[in-house]
Amino acid sequence: MKFCMVTTFFGGHSFGGDAAYVDRLSQALCRRGHEVHIYYCVDAFEAVRGDHPLRDYTPPPGLHLHPLKSRYGILSPVATQVTGQPWFKAAALRGALDDPAADVVHFHNISLVGGPGVLGLGANRRAVRLMTAHEHWLICPMHLLWKYDSRICEKPACGSCCLAGGRPPQLWRWTGAIDRGLRHLDALVFPSRSALEEHRRRGVGASVRLVQLPYFLPDGWGRPRDDPPARPAARPYLAAAGRMVKMKGFQRLIPMMRYLPEADLRIAGTGPYEAELRALASDLENVHFEGLLGGAALAQLFRGARAVVVPSLFPETFGYVVLEAFAVQTPVIVHDAAGALAETGVESGGGLGYRADIELLTACRRILHEPGLREALAARGFARRMGEWSEAQHIERYLALIERARAGRSGRLIYRPAVTRPARRRQPVTEGEGWPGD
């Protein structure tokens, strides 16, 4: 099949997160003989990258990159942000979405590459159209449900929040543009149950089928390479990783190391909040910054850790770091106050959750000093990664989702509005209300 992926960031022009999923999905499809084309916005990356490095990226056979770059530079993503339309990228995107040979069009992060206007673009209506909501952009103009850069958003105040965050106005959000765009989709996909339910609670789902499909890792991710094995760390350590921004919560984790002199904290990543974090750790000899690490180096860091700590303050839609830790048989300690981390990090059986700082400190001490607990958590997390979070099971379910969408169009499945149905055993791919069974 021929796949068309549309996303804002990708490859070297990305920060991880949703771009990592698009890359892993695309490469998995290419390994199975499919053809994948990815359209992404270089102008958007340059507009927001700051000091973030441009990474090397070489696509494998079958993966075709289409970087979108306008002569208007930053004005292109700004125009999309303000109007919700592709504008300066419309011609290139229309060419891709008109292509009659495309079998599947899969939208990802479209906030700066086309907005809701891109969902209905193109003449090819034969192709199955999907969108994965990697963030909360559909229900939050700041993407993260993180209000005033200080707390989780429980009650919207979008106008003042955007002003405080320095975001251009998005008046199109009050015009019904998102609902009209979603009507062009065969399914709206979420990586976690909590993300799906949060969108439903805030009014998404009346015009589109909601489906849960968890993230995955490639089969070989995290396996030791043929390089000589790394020397065991001289001291036990906890690991953490992510873009260094305030909502990732590293500023809550670093001070805890003052009370854990028997262990180190090693943090991988970079970002605009890095200077503040380094200043916070300036008098802590057991806190170390590892810089931006690639897949193999990150896996090695996680493999040697007693646990990977995920202190995110905002509601994550999945938490890829959890999955990466499980892949190398390392348990996690997660802030489970909101979002998917309670679901992926605690309900999975592979980690400990906390809400208050004292609970974080207690969890760290337990992982460091109770080897039996660590081994049990690691085993359960690894089993989950090798099961429903594996590449093979993910691609099987992804292709089945496409076939069900096709069948629904042909009349073998009939779409109905939301109905009340008896409870049933939850499957790894969860059909939202309104998508009846076979």
Protein backbone atom coordinates (compact mmCIF):
# COMPACT_ATOMS: atom_id res chain seq x y z
CA MET A 1 0.00 0.00 0.00
CA LYS A 2 0.98 3.63 -0.40
CA PHE A 3 0.83 5.74 2.75
CA CYS A 4 0.89 9.54 3.03
CA MET A 5 1.87 10.91 6.46
CA VAL A 6 1.30 14.59 7.23
CA THR A 7 2.93 16.08 10.34
CA THR A 8 4.57 19.30 11.52
CA PHE A 9 7.94 17.93 12.69
CA PHE A 10 9.93 14.95 11.46
CA GLY A 11 13.40 13.42 11.29
CA GLY A 12 16.20 15.91 11.83
CA HIS A 13 13.60 18.68 12.05
CA SER A 14 11.94 17.37 15.19
CA PHE A 15 12.03 17.22 18.97
CA GLY A 16 11.03 13.57 19.51
CA GLY A 17 7.57 12.68 20.83
CA ASP A 18 5.06 12.46 17.99
CA ALA A 19 7.85 12.58 15.39
CA ALA A 20 9.38 9.47 16.97
CA TYR A 21 6.11 7.60 16.53
CA VAL A 22 5.72 8.72 12.91
CA ASP A 23 9.27 7.55 12.22
CA ARG A 24 8.79 4.17 13.91
CA LEU A 25 5.45 3.54 12.24
CA SER A 26 6.76 4.54 8.82
CA GLN A 27 9.87 2.39 9.06
CA ALA A 28 7.83 -0.59 10.27
CA LEU A 29 5.54 -0.23 7.25
CA CYS A 30 8.55 0.03 4.92
CA ARG A 31 10.00 -3.17 6.37
CA ARG A 32 6.77 -4.89 5.34
CA GLY A 33 7.05 -3.68 1.76
CA HIS A 34 4.80 -0.61 1.87
CA GLU A 35 5.62 2.79 0.37
CA VAL A 36 5.52 5.75 2.74
CA HIS A 37 5.68 9.48 1.96
CA ILE A 38 6.09 12.00 4.80
CA TYR A 39 5.23 15.68 4.47
CA TYR A 40 6.51 17.97 7.23
CA CYS A 41 7.21 21.67 7.79
CA VAL A 42 10.81 22.87 7.95
CA ASP A 43 9.62 26.46 8.49
CA ALA A 44 7.77 25.44 11.67
CA PHE A 45 10.83 23.71 13.11
CA GLU A 46 13.07 26.69 12.38
CA ALA A 47 10.51 29.01 13.95
CA VAL A 48 10.50 27.26 17.32
CA ARG A 49 13.77 25.30 17.52
CA GLY A 50 15.81 27.87 19.46
CA ASP A 51 19.17 26.20 20.15
CA HIS A 52 17.85 22.70 19.51
CA PRO A 53 20.33 20.87 17.27
CA LEU A 54 19.47 19.65 13.78
CA ARG A 55 19.94 15.87 13.89
CA ASP A 56 21.19 13.63 11.10
CA TYR A 57 18.47 11.50 9.59
CA THR A 58 18.76 9.00 6.74
CA PRO A 59 15.48 7.45 5.54
CA PRO A 60 15.43 3.71 4.81
CA PRO A 61 14.39 2.29 1.42
CA GLY A 62 10.71 2.91 0.74
CA LEU A 63 10.51 6.03 2.93
CA HIS A 64 10.26 9.28 0.95
CA LEU A 65 10.68 12.66 2.66
CA HIS A 66 8.92 15.82 1.46
CA PRO A 67 10.15 18.75 3.57
CA LEU A 68 7.93 21.78 3.10
CA LYS A 69 9.74 25.10 3.03
CA SER A 70 8.18 28.37 1.96
CA ARG A 71 9.95 31.49 0.74
CA TYR A 72 7.94 33.30 3.43
CA GLY A 73 9.74 31.44 6.23
CA ILE A 74 8.21 31.85 9.66
CA LEU A 75 5.16 33.60 8.19
CA SER A 76 4.01 30.25 6.82
CA PRO A 77 3.46 28.47 10.18
CA VAL A 78 2.22 31.72 11.74
CA ALA A 79 -0.44 32.01 9.03
CA THR A 80 -1.56 28.44 9.76
CA GLN A 81 -1.57 29.06 13.50
CA VAL A 82 -3.77 32.14 13.13
CA THR A 83 -6.18 30.91 10.44
CA GLY A 84 -6.25 27.12 10.81
CA GLN A 85 -5.52 26.74 7.07
CA PRO A 86 -2.45 25.47 5.13
CA TRP A 87 -2.03 28.65 3.03
CA PHE A 88 1.60 28.72 1.81
CA LYS A 89 1.83 24.91 2.02
CA ALA A 90 -1.54 24.22 0.42
CA ALA A 91 -0.27 23.59 -3.13
CA ALA A 92 2.29 20.97 -2.07
CA LEU A 93 -0.13 19.28 0.31
CA ARG A 94 -2.94 19.28 -2.23
CA GLY A 95 -0.66 17.54 -4.70
CA ALA A 96 -0.03 14.79 -2.17
CA LEU A 97 -3.65 14.47 -1.10
CA ASP A 98 -4.92 14.48 -4.68
CA ASP A 99 -2.73 11.49 -5.56
CA PRO A 100 -5.12 8.68 -6.59
CA ALA A 101 -2.47 6.06 -5.82
CA ALA A 102 -2.47 6.84 -2.07
CA ASP A 103 -4.27 4.16 -0.08
CA VAL A 104 -4.00 5.74 3.38
CA VAL A 105 -3.63 9.35 4.49
CA HIS A 106 -2.54 9.57 8.11
CA PHE A 107 -2.44 12.97 9.82
CA HIS A 108 -0.40 13.44 12.99
CA ASN A 109 0.61 16.80 14.49
CA ILE A 110 -0.99 19.20 11.99
CA SER A 111 -0.98 22.33 14.15
CA LEU A 112 1.58 24.24 12.03
CA VAL A 113 1.51 22.29 8.80
CA GLY A 114 -2.12 22.84 7.88
CA GLY A 115 -4.39 23.16 10.90
CA PRO A 116 -7.89 21.64 10.71
CA GLY A 117 -8.17 22.92 7.15
CA VAL A 118 -5.77 20.24 5.90
CA LEU A 119 -8.05 17.40 7.02
CA GLY A 120 -10.45 17.97 4.14
CA LEU A 121 -7.83 18.91 1.56
CA GLY A 122 -7.33 16.82 -1.59
CA ALA A 123 -9.45 15.07 -4.17
CA ASN A 124 -8.55 11.48 -3.26
CA ARG A 125 -11.54 10.28 -1.25
CA ARG A 126 -10.76 6.62 -1.86
CA ALA A 127 -7.91 6.69 0.65
CA VAL A 128 -8.65 5.87 4.29
CA ARG A 129 -8.09 8.99 6.40
CA LEU A 130 -6.81 8.70 9.96
CA MET A 131 -5.46 11.14 12.51
CA THR A 132 -3.50 10.35 15.66
CA ALA A 133 -3.89 12.86 18.50
CA HIS A 134 -0.38 12.77 19.96
CA GLU A 135 -1.07 15.87 22.06
CA HIS A 136 -4.17 17.70 23.28
CA TRP A 137 -4.07 20.23 20.42
CA LEU A 138 -7.65 19.50 19.35
CA ILE A 139 -8.96 20.69 22.73
CA CYS A 140 -6.13 23.01 23.83
CA PRO A 141 -4.50 25.80 21.79
CA MET A 142 -1.39 25.37 23.98
CA HIS A 143 -1.36 21.64 23.07
CA LEU A 144 -0.67 20.30 26.56
CA LEU A 145 -3.59 21.18 28.86
CA TRP A 146 -0.96 23.06 30.87
CA LYS A 147 -2.45 26.35 32.04
CA TYR A 148 -0.39 29.55 32.39
CA ASP A 149 2.74 27.36 32.32
CA SER A 150 2.02 26.44 35.93
CA ARG A 151 -0.81 23.92 36.38
CA ILE A 152 -3.08 21.39 34.71
CA CYS A 153 -6.05 22.94 32.90
CA GLU A 154 -9.28 21.84 34.52
CA LYS A 155 -11.44 24.71 33.28
CA PRO A 156 -10.59 26.40 29.93
CA ALA A 157 -9.48 30.02 29.79
CA CYS A 158 -7.93 29.75 26.36
CA GLY A 159 -7.72 33.42 25.45
CA SER A 160 -5.80 34.58 28.51
CA CYS A 161 -3.71 31.41 28.56
CA CYS A 162 -2.57 31.99 24.94
CA LEU A 163 -1.75 35.61 25.73
CA ALA A 164 0.30 34.55 28.76
CA GLY A 165 2.08 31.94 26.63
CA GLY A 166 2.84 34.35 23.80
CA ARG A 167 0.82 32.38 21.22
CA PRO A 168 -0.85 34.13 18.28
CA PRO A 169 -4.66 34.22 18.45
CA GLN A 170 -6.57 31.25 17.05
CA LEU A 171 -10.04 32.65 16.49
CA TRP A 172 -10.88 29.81 14.09
CA ARG A 173 -11.27 27.55 17.15
CA TRP A 174 -14.66 29.18 17.79
CA THR A 175 -15.91 28.68 14.21
CA GLY A 176 -16.50 24.92 14.27
CA ALA A 177 -13.43 24.34 12.06
CA ILE A 178 -12.19 21.38 14.11
CA ASP A 179 -15.52 19.58 14.02
CA ARG A 180 -15.82 20.14 10.28
CA GLY A 181 -12.29 18.86 9.75
CA LEU A 182 -12.80 15.73 11.83
CA ARG A 183 -15.81 14.75 9.70
CA HIS A 184 -13.39 13.95 6.87
CA LEU A 185 -11.69 11.24 8.97
CA ASP A 186 -12.49 7.55 9.14
CA ALA A 187 -11.09 7.42 12.69
CA LEU A 188 -9.38 9.60 15.29
CA VAL A 189 -6.72 7.56 17.08
CA PHE A 190 -5.38 8.00 20.62
CA PRO A 191 -2.33 6.32 22.19
CA SER A 192 -4.01 5.93 25.60
CA ARG A 193 -7.40 5.44 27.19
CA SER A 194 -7.01 8.58 29.29
CA ALA A 195 -6.32 10.78 26.24
CA LEU A 196 -9.37 9.38 24.45
CA GLU A 197 -11.63 9.95 27.44
CA GLU A 198 -10.31 13.48 28.03
CA HIS A 199 -11.13 14.44 24.44
CA ARG A 200 -14.57 12.86 24.71
CA ARG A 201 -15.19 14.72 27.97
CA ARG A 202 -14.37 18.01 26.24
CA GLY A 203 -16.72 17.42 23.33
CA VAL A 204 -14.68 15.57 20.68
CA GLY A 205 -16.35 12.50 19.24
CA ALA A 206 -19.74 13.56 17.95
CA SER A 207 -18.60 13.45 14.32
CA VAL A 208 -15.73 10.96 14.27
CA ARG A 209 -14.94 7.45 15.52
CA LEU A 210 -12.56 7.42 18.48
CA VAL A 211 -10.09 4.54 18.66
CA GLN A 212 -7.32 3.67 21.12
CA LEU A 213 -4.09 2.27 19.68
CA PRO A 214 -1.08 2.32 22.05
CA TYR A 215 2.42 3.28 20.92
CA PHE A 216 5.08 0.66 20.23
CA LEU A 217 8.83 0.23 19.83
CA PRO A 218 10.61 -1.45 16.92
CA ASP A 219 11.50 -5.08 17.57
CA GLY A 220 15.22 -4.37 17.88
CA TRP A 221 14.99 -1.21 19.99
CA GLY A 222 17.19 -1.36 23.06
CA ARG A 223 18.96 -4.61 22.25
CA PRO A 224 22.69 -4.51 23.10
CA ARG A 225 24.78 -3.91 20.01
CA ASP A 226 27.99 -5.69 19.08
CA ASP A 227 30.03 -2.95 20.74
CA PRO A 228 32.02 -3.91 23.86
CA PRO A 229 29.68 -3.80 26.87
CA ALA A 230 29.77 -0.61 28.87
CA ARG A 231 31.44 -0.69 32.23
CA PRO A 232 29.01 -0.96 35.14
CA ALA A 233 28.38 2.40 36.74
CA ALA A 234 30.55 3.10 39.75
CA ARG A 235 27.46 4.19 41.69
CA PRO A 236 23.81 3.23 41.41
CA TYR A 237 21.80 5.81 39.51
CA LEU A 238 18.33 6.90 38.49
CA ALA A 239 17.76 8.08 34.92
CA ALA A 240 15.41 10.63 33.38
CA ALA A 241 14.99 11.91 29.84
CA GLY A 242 12.97 14.41 27.87
CA ARG A 243 12.92 17.89 26.44
CA MET A 244 13.98 20.34 29.10
CA VAL A 245 10.87 22.43 29.51
CA LYS A 246 9.11 23.41 32.71
CA MET A 247 6.12 21.08 32.36
CA LYS A 248 8.39 18.01 32.24
CA GLY A 249 8.93 18.49 35.97
CA PHE A 250 12.69 17.94 36.26
CA GLN A 251 12.81 20.87 38.70
CA ARG A 252 10.78 18.75 41.14
CA LEU A 253 13.07 15.75 40.76
CA ILE A 254 16.50 17.38 41.03
CA PRO A 255 16.12 18.67 44.64
CA MET A 256 15.18 15.14 45.77
CA MET A 257 18.75 14.05 45.09
CA ARG A 258 19.88 16.07 48.09
CA TYR A 259 18.26 13.33 50.21
CA LEU A 260 19.67 10.44 48.13
CA PRO A 261 23.44 10.81 48.52
CA GLU A 262 23.89 7.09 47.88
CA ALA A 263 22.79 7.42 44.23
CA ASP A 264 23.19 9.63 41.17
CA LEU A 265 20.65 11.18 38.84
CA ARG A 266 21.53 11.22 35.13
CA ILE A 267 19.28 13.34 32.89
CA ALA A 268 19.30 13.07 29.08
CA GLY A 269 17.94 15.82 26.88
CA THR A 270 18.19 19.49 26.09
CA GLY A 271 15.81 22.40 25.80
CA PRO A 272 15.03 26.01 26.73
CA TYR A 273 14.79 25.27 30.48
CA GLU A 274 18.21 23.63 30.66
CA ALA A 275 20.08 26.63 32.12
CA GLU A 276 17.64 26.89 35.01
CA LEU A 277 17.89 23.17 35.72
CA ARG A 278 21.68 23.26 35.70
CA ALA A 279 21.62 26.18 38.12
CA LEU A 280 19.25 24.25 40.38
CA ALA A 281 21.71 21.34 40.44
CA SER A 282 24.86 23.42 40.73
CA ASP A 283 25.60 22.33 44.32
CA LEU A 284 24.53 18.70 43.84
CA GLU A 285 27.46 16.48 42.89
CA ASN A 286 25.16 13.51 42.27
CA VAL A 287 23.19 15.16 39.43
CA HIS A 288 24.60 14.83 35.91
CA PHE A 289 23.39 16.15 32.54
CA GLU A 290 24.01 13.73 29.68
CA GLY A 291 22.98 15.95 26.76
CA LEU A 292 20.87 14.85 23.80
CA LEU A 293 21.21 11.08 23.34
CA GLY A 294 20.25 8.96 20.34
CA GLY A 295 18.36 5.67 20.56
CA ALA A 296 21.30 3.36 21.30
CA ALA A 297 22.90 5.69 23.85
CA LEU A 298 19.56 6.34 25.55
CA ALA A 299 18.85 2.62 25.75
CA GLN A 300 22.26 2.06 27.34
CA LEU A 301 21.59 4.82 29.88
CA PHE A 302 18.22 3.33 30.79
CA ARG A 303 19.54 -0.24 30.90
CA GLY A 304 22.05 0.59 33.63
CA ALA A 305 19.61 2.60 35.76
CA ARG A 306 17.84 1.32 38.85
CA ALA A 307 14.73 3.10 37.54
CA VAL A 308 13.69 5.73 35.01
CA VAL A 309 11.85 8.62 36.64
CA VAL A 310 9.13 10.43 34.65
CA PRO A 311 8.18 13.55 36.66
CA SER A 312 5.89 15.20 34.05
CA LEU A 313 3.52 17.75 35.56
CA PHE A 314 1.14 17.98 32.59
CA PRO A 315 -1.18 15.19 31.35
CA GLU A 316 0.92 13.07 28.99
CA THR A 317 -1.01 11.27 26.24
CA PHE A 318 1.21 8.18 26.61
CA GLY A 319 4.78 8.77 27.79
CA TYR A 320 7.23 7.15 25.36
CA VAL A 321 9.94 7.19 28.04
CA VAL A 322 7.96 4.56 29.97
CA LEU A 323 7.94 2.23 26.99
CA GLU A 324 11.66 2.79 26.34
CA ALA A 325 12.47 1.93 29.95
CA PHE A 326 10.40 -1.26 29.82
CA ALA A 327 12.19 -2.28 26.61
CA VAL A 328 15.50 -2.59 28.48
CA GLN A 329 13.90 -4.21 31.55
CA THR A 330 14.08 -1.15 33.76
CA PRO A 331 11.11 -0.11 35.95
CA VAL A 332 9.72 3.41 36.12
CA ILE A 333 8.68 5.90 38.77
CA VAL A 334 5.99 8.20 37.37
CA HIS A 335 4.03 11.24 38.45
CA ASP A 336 0.53 9.82 38.07
CA ALA A 337 -1.58 12.81 39.04
CA ALA A 338 -3.06 13.20 35.54
CA GLY A 339 -2.85 11.88 32.02
CA ALA A 340 -1.66 8.49 30.82
CA LEU A 341 1.30 7.90 33.14
CA ALA A 342 -0.86 6.14 35.72
CA GLU A 343 -2.15 3.95 32.90
CA THR A 344 1.19 3.15 31.22
CA GLY A 345 3.55 3.34 34.17
CA VAL A 346 1.50 1.98 37.09
CA GLU A 347 -1.51 0.00 35.81
CA SER A 348 0.89 -1.82 33.49
CA GLY A 349 2.55 -3.31 36.57
CA GLY A 350 5.97 -2.01 35.59
CA GLY A 351 6.41 0.93 37.91
CA LEU A 352 5.57 2.96 40.99
CA GLY A 353 3.44 6.10 41.01
CA TYR A 354 3.61 9.19 43.20
CA ARG A 355 1.82 12.51 43.63
CA ALA A 356 3.56 14.34 46.47
CA ASP A 357 7.31 14.98 46.68
CA ILE A 358 7.65 12.77 49.74
CA GLU A 359 6.06 9.92 47.79
CA LEU A 360 8.62 10.46 45.02
CA LEU A 361 11.45 10.26 47.53
CA THR A 362 9.97 7.11 49.08
CA ALA A 363 9.58 5.45 45.68
CA CYS A 364 13.20 6.23 44.78
CA ARG A 365 14.45 4.75 48.04
CA ARG A 366 12.38 1.59 47.57
CA ILE A 367 13.72 1.05 44.05
CA LEU A 368 17.29 1.65 45.20
CA HIS A 369 17.14 -0.60 48.26
CA GLU A 370 14.62 -3.34 47.42
CA PRO A 371 16.12 -5.42 44.59
CA GLY A 372 13.26 -7.90 44.65
CA LEU A 373 10.74 -5.14 44.02
CA ARG A 374 12.83 -3.74 41.18
CA GLU A 375 13.12 -7.13 39.49
CA ALA A 376 9.38 -7.82 39.73
CA LEU A 377 8.46 -4.43 38.27
CA ALA A 378 11.03 -4.78 35.49
CA ALA A 379 9.72 -8.20 34.49
CA ARG A 380 6.12 -7.02 34.28
CA GLY A 381 7.04 -3.94 32.27
CA PHE A 382 9.13 -5.96 29.84
CA ALA A 383 6.30 -8.45 29.33
CA ARG A 384 3.97 -5.57 28.41
CA ARG A 385 6.49 -4.16 25.95
CA MET A 386 6.90 -7.58 24.28
CA GLY A 387 3.12 -8.03 24.09
CA GLU A 388 0.68 -5.32 23.09
CA TRP A 389 3.41 -2.66 22.82
CA SER A 390 5.44 -4.66 20.31
CA GLU A 391 5.91 -3.72 16.66
CA ALA A 392 4.25 -6.86 15.32
CA GLN A 393 1.05 -6.45 17.34
CA HIS A 394 0.87 -2.72 16.66
CA ILE A 395 1.17 -3.07 12.88
CA GLU A 396 -1.34 -5.93 12.88
CA ARG A 397 -3.87 -3.74 14.68
CA TYR A 398 -3.03 -0.69 12.59
CA LEU A 399 -3.66 -2.53 9.33
CA ALA A 400 -6.82 -4.07 10.79
CA LEU A 401 -8.03 -0.55 11.64
CA ILE A 402 -7.56 0.45 8.00
CA GLU A 403 -9.44 -2.60 6.75
CA ARG A 404 -12.32 -1.94 9.14
CA ALA A 405 -12.55 1.62 7.88
CA ARG A 406 -12.75 0.35 4.32
CA ALA A 407 -15.36 -2.21 5.28
CA GLY A 408 -17.41 0.46 7.01
CA ARG A 409 -17.42 2.57 3.86
CA SER A 410 -18.63 -0.34 1.76
CA GLY A 411 -21.60 -0.93 4.05
CA ARG A 412 -20.41 -4.08 5.78
CA LEU A 413 -20.09 -1.95 8.92
CA ILE A 414 -22.67 0.71 9.56
CA TYR A 415 -21.67 3.83 11.49
CA ARG A 416 -24.16 4.86 14.12
CA PRO A 417 -24.20 7.71 16.62
CA ALA A 418 -22.96 7.03 20.13
CA VAL A 419 -24.91 4.30 21.90
CA THR A 420 -24.79 2.67 25.30
CA ARG A 421 -23.29 -0.78 25.14
CA PRO A 422 -22.67 -3.48 27.74
CA ALA A 423 -19.21 -3.46 29.29
CA ARG A 424 -16.74 -5.86 27.75
CA ARG A 425 -13.16 -6.87 28.32
CA ARG A 426 -10.87 -4.04 27.26
CA GLN A 427 -8.76 -4.83 24.22
CA PRO A 428 -5.43 -3.17 23.45
CA VAL A 429 -7.15 -1.47 20.52
CA THR A 430 -10.31 0.07 21.94
CA GLU A 431 -13.14 1.13 19.68
CA GLY A 432 -14.77 4.34 20.79
CA GLU A 433 -18.52 4.59 21.08
CA GLY A 434 -20.12 4.83 17.67
CA TRP A 435 -18.00 2.14 15.99
CA PRO A 436 -20.01 -1.07 16.23
CA GLY A 437 -18.46 -4.48 16.26
CA ASP A 438 -18.38 -6.83 13.30
